[in-house]
Amino acid sequence: MTDDRLISTSQLCERYGRSPDTLLRWQKQRGFPRPVIQGGHGAESRWRESDIKAWEDRQTRAA
């Protein structure tokens, strides 16, 4: 079993310098991973760090 760290919406926004709306747009248009824990009622969504790194690797190879 892997110990996969979870990253919050605000951490991803800071990481990329983008808004939460951009993350949603990337999910629809660029294959950005979906969160494993969906936020709501003031809670933030969470993504697996390994999913984010895999997506970043695909973006680098496609460039």
PDB file of N, CA and C in Angstrom:
ATOM      1  N   MET A   1       0.849  -1.189   0.000  1.00  0.00           N
ATOM      2  CA  MET A   1       0.000   0.000   0.000  1.00  0.00           C
ATOM      3  C   MET A   1       0.892   1.250   0.000  1.00  0.00           C
ATOM      4  N   THR A   2       0.546   2.210  -0.802  1.00  0.00           N
ATOM      5  CA  THR A   2       1.337   3.439  -0.861  1.00  0.00           C
ATOM      6  C   THR A   2       0.754   4.480   0.085  1.00  0.00           C
ATOM      7  N   ASP A   3       1.614   5.308   0.587  1.00  0.00           N
ATOM      8  CA  ASP A   3       1.200   6.419   1.444  1.00  0.00           C
ATOM      9  C   ASP A   3       1.131   7.655   0.560  1.00  0.00           C
ATOM     10  N   ASP A   4      -0.001   7.830  -0.116  1.00  0.00           N
ATOM     11  CA  ASP A   4      -0.147   8.906  -1.100  1.00  0.00           C
ATOM     12  C   ASP A   4      -0.719  10.149  -0.441  1.00  0.00           C
ATOM     13  N   ARG A   5       0.051  11.216  -0.500  1.00  0.00           N
ATOM     14  CA  ARG A   5      -0.350  12.491   0.092  1.00  0.00           C
ATOM     15  C   ARG A   5      -1.498  13.101  -0.696  1.00  0.00           C
ATOM     16  N   LEU A   6      -2.387  13.781   0.014  1.00  0.00           N
ATOM     17  CA  LEU A   6      -3.500  14.481  -0.627  1.00  0.00           C
ATOM     18  C   LEU A   6      -3.196  15.970  -0.682  1.00  0.00           C
ATOM     19  N   ILE A   7      -3.585  16.595  -1.783  1.00  0.00           N
ATOM     20  CA  ILE A   7      -3.348  18.020  -2.017  1.00  0.00           C
ATOM     21  C   ILE A   7      -4.703  18.710  -2.107  1.00  0.00           C
ATOM     22  N   SER A   8      -4.854  19.837  -1.427  1.00  0.00           N
ATOM     23  CA  SER A   8      -6.121  20.578  -1.415  1.00  0.00           C
ATOM     24  C   SER A   8      -6.238  21.496  -2.635  1.00  0.00           C
ATOM     25  N   THR A   9      -7.448  21.961  -2.851  1.00  0.00           N
ATOM     26  CA  THR A   9      -7.716  22.908  -3.931  1.00  0.00           C
ATOM     27  C   THR A   9      -6.830  24.142  -3.799  1.00  0.00           C
ATOM     28  N   SER A  10      -6.751  24.700  -2.602  1.00  0.00           N
ATOM     29  CA  SER A  10      -5.953  25.927  -2.422  1.00  0.00           C
ATOM     30  C   SER A  10      -4.469  25.670  -2.691  1.00  0.00           C
ATOM     31  N   GLN A  11      -3.980  24.480  -2.335  1.00  0.00           N
ATOM     32  CA  GLN A  11      -2.578  24.161  -2.617  1.00  0.00           C
ATOM     33  C   GLN A  11      -2.329  24.064  -4.119  1.00  0.00           C
ATOM     34  N   LEU A  12      -3.285  23.463  -4.848  1.00  0.00           N
ATOM     35  CA  LEU A  12      -3.134  23.375  -6.304  1.00  0.00           C
ATOM     36  C   LEU A  12      -3.220  24.749  -6.956  1.00  0.00           C
ATOM     37  N   CYS A  13      -4.121  25.584  -6.472  1.00  0.00           N
ATOM     38  CA  CYS A  13      -4.239  26.937  -7.019  1.00  0.00           C
ATOM     39  C   CYS A  13      -2.944  27.710  -6.816  1.00  0.00           C
ATOM     40  N   GLU A  14      -2.339  27.551  -5.668  1.00  0.00           N
ATOM     41  CA  GLU A  14      -1.065  28.216  -5.396  1.00  0.00           C
ATOM     42  C   GLU A  14       0.044  27.618  -6.265  1.00  0.00           C
ATOM     43  N   ARG A  15       0.041  26.314  -6.409  1.00  0.00           N
ATOM     44  CA  ARG A  15       1.061  25.613  -7.189  1.00  0.00           C
ATOM     45  C   ARG A  15       1.079  26.097  -8.638  1.00  0.00           C
ATOM     46  N   TYR A  16      -0.104  26.279  -9.223  1.00  0.00           N
ATOM     47  CA  TYR A  16      -0.200  26.664 -10.635  1.00  0.00           C
ATOM     48  C   TYR A  16      -0.469  28.146 -10.849  1.00  0.00           C
ATOM     49  N   GLY A  17      -0.769  28.891  -9.792  1.00  0.00           N
ATOM     50  CA  GLY A  17      -1.101  30.301  -9.948  1.00  0.00           C
ATOM     51  C   GLY A  17      -2.408  30.496 -10.694  1.00  0.00           C
ATOM     52  N   ARG A  18      -3.363  29.588 -10.454  1.00  0.00           N
ATOM     53  CA  ARG A  18      -4.649  29.612 -11.138  1.00  0.00           C
ATOM     54  C   ARG A  18      -5.788  29.529 -10.133  1.00  0.00           C
ATOM     55  N   SER A  19      -7.006  29.761 -10.599  1.00  0.00           N
ATOM     56  CA  SER A  19      -8.190  29.742  -9.744  1.00  0.00           C
ATOM     57  C   SER A  19      -8.823  28.351  -9.724  1.00  0.00           C
ATOM     58  N   PRO A  20      -9.712  28.103  -8.762  1.00  0.00           N
ATOM     59  CA  PRO A  20     -10.449  26.837  -8.763  1.00  0.00           C
ATOM     60  C   PRO A  20     -11.259  26.629 -10.047  1.00  0.00           C
ATOM     61  N   ASP A  21     -11.770  27.714 -10.631  1.00  0.00           N
ATOM     62  CA  ASP A  21     -12.504  27.596 -11.892  1.00  0.00           C
ATOM     63  C   ASP A  21     -11.610  27.048 -13.007  1.00  0.00           C
ATOM     64  N   THR A  22     -10.342  27.439 -13.002  1.00  0.00           N
ATOM     65  CA  THR A  22      -9.408  26.928 -14.004  1.00  0.00           C
ATOM     66  C   THR A  22      -9.197  25.433 -13.826  1.00  0.00           C
ATOM     67  N   LEU A  23      -9.098  24.973 -12.579  1.00  0.00           N
ATOM     68  CA  LEU A  23      -8.938  23.537 -12.342  1.00  0.00           C
ATOM     69  C   LEU A  23     -10.136  22.767 -12.907  1.00  0.00           C
ATOM     70  N   LEU A  24     -11.333  23.300 -12.720  1.00  0.00           N
ATOM     71  CA  LEU A  24     -12.532  22.658 -13.273  1.00  0.00           C
ATOM     72  C   LEU A  24     -12.490  22.643 -14.800  1.00  0.00           C
ATOM     73  N   ARG A  25     -12.072  23.736 -15.379  1.00  0.00           N
ATOM     74  CA  ARG A  25     -11.970  23.823 -16.844  1.00  0.00           C
ATOM     75  C   ARG A  25     -10.937  22.816 -17.360  1.00  0.00           C
ATOM     76  N   TRP A  26      -9.803  22.698 -16.661  1.00  0.00           N
ATOM     77  CA  TRP A  26      -8.780  21.729 -17.053  1.00  0.00           C
ATOM     78  C   TRP A  26      -9.317  20.302 -16.983  1.00  0.00           C
ATOM     79  N   GLN A  27     -10.172  20.026 -15.995  1.00  0.00           N
ATOM     80  CA  GLN A  27     -10.757  18.684 -15.897  1.00  0.00           C
ATOM     81  C   GLN A  27     -11.560  18.369 -17.150  1.00  0.00           C
ATOM     82  N   LYS A  28     -12.297  19.335 -17.640  1.00  0.00           N
ATOM     83  CA  LYS A  28     -13.149  19.134 -18.809  1.00  0.00           C
ATOM     84  C   LYS A  28     -12.363  19.132 -20.115  1.00  0.00           C
ATOM     85  N   GLN A  29     -11.322  19.966 -20.215  1.00  0.00           N
ATOM     86  CA  GLN A  29     -10.652  20.180 -21.491  1.00  0.00           C
ATOM     87  C   GLN A  29      -9.280  19.530 -21.613  1.00  0.00           C
ATOM     88  N   ARG A  30      -8.598  19.290 -20.491  1.00  0.00           N
ATOM     89  CA  ARG A  30      -7.199  18.861 -20.575  1.00  0.00           C
ATOM     90  C   ARG A  30      -6.901  17.576 -19.809  1.00  0.00           C
ATOM     91  N   GLY A  31      -7.945  16.888 -19.364  1.00  0.00           N
ATOM     92  CA  GLY A  31      -7.732  15.623 -18.684  1.00  0.00           C
ATOM     93  C   GLY A  31      -7.162  15.732 -17.289  1.00  0.00           C
ATOM     94  N   PHE A  32      -7.323  16.901 -16.656  1.00  0.00           N
ATOM     95  CA  PHE A  32      -6.850  17.077 -15.288  1.00  0.00           C
ATOM     96  C   PHE A  32      -7.584  16.096 -14.383  1.00  0.00           C
ATOM     97  N   PRO A  33      -6.896  15.480 -13.419  1.00  0.00           N
ATOM     98  CA  PRO A  33      -7.544  14.479 -12.559  1.00  0.00           C
ATOM     99  C   PRO A  33      -8.726  15.049 -11.783  1.00  0.00           C
ATOM    100  N   ARG A  34      -9.650  14.187 -11.484  1.00  0.00           N
ATOM    101  CA  ARG A  34     -10.771  14.554 -10.619  1.00  0.00           C
ATOM    102  C   ARG A  34     -10.331  14.351  -9.176  1.00  0.00           C
ATOM    103  N   PRO A  35     -10.889  15.121  -8.263  1.00  0.00           N
ATOM    104  CA  PRO A  35     -10.521  14.941  -6.848  1.00  0.00           C
ATOM    105  C   PRO A  35     -11.009  13.598  -6.326  1.00  0.00           C
ATOM    106  N   VAL A  36     -10.261  13.036  -5.376  1.00  0.00           N
ATOM    107  CA  VAL A  36     -10.679  11.784  -4.748  1.00  0.00           C
ATOM    108  C   VAL A  36     -11.628  12.051  -3.588  1.00  0.00           C
ATOM    109  N   ILE A  37     -11.567  13.263  -3.042  1.00  0.00           N
ATOM    110  CA  ILE A  37     -12.506  13.707  -2.007  1.00  0.00           C
ATOM    111  C   ILE A  37     -13.121  15.003  -2.507  1.00  0.00           C
ATOM    112  N   GLN A  38     -14.407  14.974  -2.732  1.00  0.00           N
ATOM    113  CA  GLN A  38     -15.103  16.148  -3.252  1.00  0.00           C
ATOM    114  C   GLN A  38     -15.449  17.084  -2.108  1.00  0.00           C
ATOM    115  N   GLY A  39     -15.092  18.347  -2.239  1.00  0.00           N
ATOM    116  CA  GLY A  39     -15.405  19.342  -1.218  1.00  0.00           C
ATOM    117  C   GLY A  39     -16.865  19.754  -1.281  1.00  0.00           C
ATOM    118  N   GLY A  40     -17.253  20.512  -0.315  1.00  0.00           N
ATOM    119  CA  GLY A  40     -18.616  21.021  -0.272  1.00  0.00           C
ATOM    120  C   GLY A  40     -18.877  21.647   1.077  1.00  0.00           C
ATOM    121  N   HIS A  41     -19.816  22.561   1.124  1.00  0.00           N
ATOM    122  CA  HIS A  41     -20.167  23.237   2.382  1.00  0.00           C
ATOM    123  C   HIS A  41     -18.931  23.816   3.072  1.00  0.00           C
ATOM    124  N   GLY A  42     -18.089  24.470   2.299  1.00  0.00           N
ATOM    125  CA  GLY A  42     -16.912  25.137   2.846  1.00  0.00           C
ATOM    126  C   GLY A  42     -15.668  24.268   2.914  1.00  0.00           C
ATOM    127  N   ALA A  43     -15.792  22.971   2.635  1.00  0.00           N
ATOM    128  CA  ALA A  43     -14.624  22.076   2.652  1.00  0.00           C
ATOM    129  C   ALA A  43     -13.972  22.069   1.266  1.00  0.00           C
ATOM    130  N   GLU A  44     -12.675  21.891   1.247  1.00  0.00           N
ATOM    131  CA  GLU A  44     -11.947  21.853  -0.019  1.00  0.00           C
ATOM    132  C   GLU A  44     -11.875  20.423  -0.548  1.00  0.00           C
ATOM    133  N   SER A  45     -11.829  20.304  -1.856  1.00  0.00           N
ATOM    134  CA  SER A  45     -11.597  19.007  -2.486  1.00  0.00           C
ATOM    135  C   SER A  45     -10.148  18.611  -2.270  1.00  0.00           C
ATOM    136  N   ARG A  46      -9.867  17.330  -2.447  1.00  0.00           N
ATOM    137  CA  ARG A  46      -8.507  16.805  -2.290  1.00  0.00           C
ATOM    138  C   ARG A  46      -8.171  15.898  -3.471  1.00  0.00           C
ATOM    139  N   TRP A  47      -6.919  16.017  -3.929  1.00  0.00           N
ATOM    140  CA  TRP A  47      -6.401  15.209  -5.030  1.00  0.00           C
ATOM    141  C   TRP A  47      -5.224  14.390  -4.537  1.00  0.00           C
ATOM    142  N   ARG A  48      -5.040  13.202  -5.130  1.00  0.00           N
ATOM    143  CA  ARG A  48      -3.835  12.415  -4.845  1.00  0.00           C
ATOM    144  C   ARG A  48      -2.651  13.089  -5.530  1.00  0.00           C
ATOM    145  N   GLU A  49      -1.586  13.247  -4.784  1.00  0.00           N
ATOM    146  CA  GLU A  49      -0.385  13.851  -5.346  1.00  0.00           C
ATOM    147  C   GLU A  49       0.134  13.033  -6.535  1.00  0.00           C
ATOM    148  N   SER A  50       0.034  11.720  -6.463  1.00  0.00           N
ATOM    149  CA  SER A  50       0.516  10.873  -7.566  1.00  0.00           C
ATOM    150  C   SER A  50      -0.294  11.119  -8.844  1.00  0.00           C
ATOM    151  N   ASP A  51      -1.609  11.364  -8.722  1.00  0.00           N
ATOM    152  CA  ASP A  51      -2.434  11.676  -9.900  1.00  0.00           C
ATOM    153  C   ASP A  51      -2.005  12.993 -10.527  1.00  0.00           C
ATOM    154  N   ILE A  52      -1.715  13.977  -9.679  1.00  0.00           N
ATOM    155  CA  ILE A  52      -1.284  15.298 -10.167  1.00  0.00           C
ATOM    156  C   ILE A  52       0.064  15.182 -10.872  1.00  0.00           C
ATOM    157  N   LYS A  53       1.010  14.451 -10.265  1.00  0.00           N
ATOM    158  CA  LYS A  53       2.333  14.296 -10.881  1.00  0.00           C
ATOM    159  C   LYS A  53       2.235  13.561 -12.215  1.00  0.00           C
ATOM    160  N   ALA A  54       1.380  12.547 -12.293  1.00  0.00           N
ATOM    161  CA  ALA A  54       1.202  11.817 -13.551  1.00  0.00           C
ATOM    162  C   ALA A  54       0.643  12.748 -14.626  1.00  0.00           C
ATOM    163  N   TRP A  55      -0.324  13.598 -14.266  1.00  0.00           N
ATOM    164  CA  TRP A  55      -0.886  14.557 -15.217  1.00  0.00           C
ATOM    165  C   TRP A  55       0.194  15.537 -15.681  1.00  0.00           C
ATOM    166  N   GLU A  56       0.999  16.048 -14.743  1.00  0.00           N
ATOM    167  CA  GLU A  56       2.076  16.973 -15.099  1.00  0.00           C
ATOM    168  C   GLU A  56       3.065  16.304 -16.067  1.00  0.00           C
ATOM    169  N   ASP A  57       3.388  15.025 -15.807  1.00  0.00           N
ATOM    170  CA  ASP A  57       4.291  14.302 -16.707  1.00  0.00           C
ATOM    171  C   ASP A  57       3.708  14.187 -18.103  1.00  0.00           C
ATOM    172  N   ARG A  58       2.405  13.903 -18.201  1.00  0.00           N
ATOM    173  CA  ARG A  58       1.757  13.816 -19.522  1.00  0.00           C
ATOM    174  C   ARG A  58       1.795  15.163 -20.232  1.00  0.00           C
ATOM    175  N   GLN A  59       1.618  16.256 -19.484  1.00  0.00           N
ATOM    176  CA  GLN A  59       1.650  17.594 -20.099  1.00  0.00           C
ATOM    177  C   GLN A  59       3.051  17.899 -20.629  1.00  0.00           C
ATOM    178  N   THR A  60       4.062  17.496 -19.895  1.00  0.00           N
ATOM    179  CA  THR A  60       5.448  17.742 -20.300  1.00  0.00           C
ATOM    180  C   THR A  60       5.780  16.967 -21.567  1.00  0.00           C
ATOM    181  N   ARG A  61       5.341  15.696 -21.614  1.00  0.00           N
ATOM    182  CA  ARG A  61       5.618  14.872 -22.798  1.00  0.00           C
ATOM    183  C   ARG A  61       4.868  15.378 -24.032  1.00  0.00           C
ATOM    184  N   ALA A  62       3.686  15.937 -23.828  1.00  0.00           N
ATOM    185  CA  ALA A  62       2.864  16.416 -24.949  1.00  0.00           C
ATOM    186  C   ALA A  62       3.382  17.742 -25.509  1.00  0.00           C
ATOM    187  N   ALA A  63       4.151  18.464 -24.712  1.00  0.00           N
ATOM    188  CA  ALA A  63       4.631  19.792 -25.131  1.00  0.00           C
ATOM    189  C   ALA A  63       5.755  19.705 -26.136  1.00  0.00           C
TER     190      ALA A  63
END
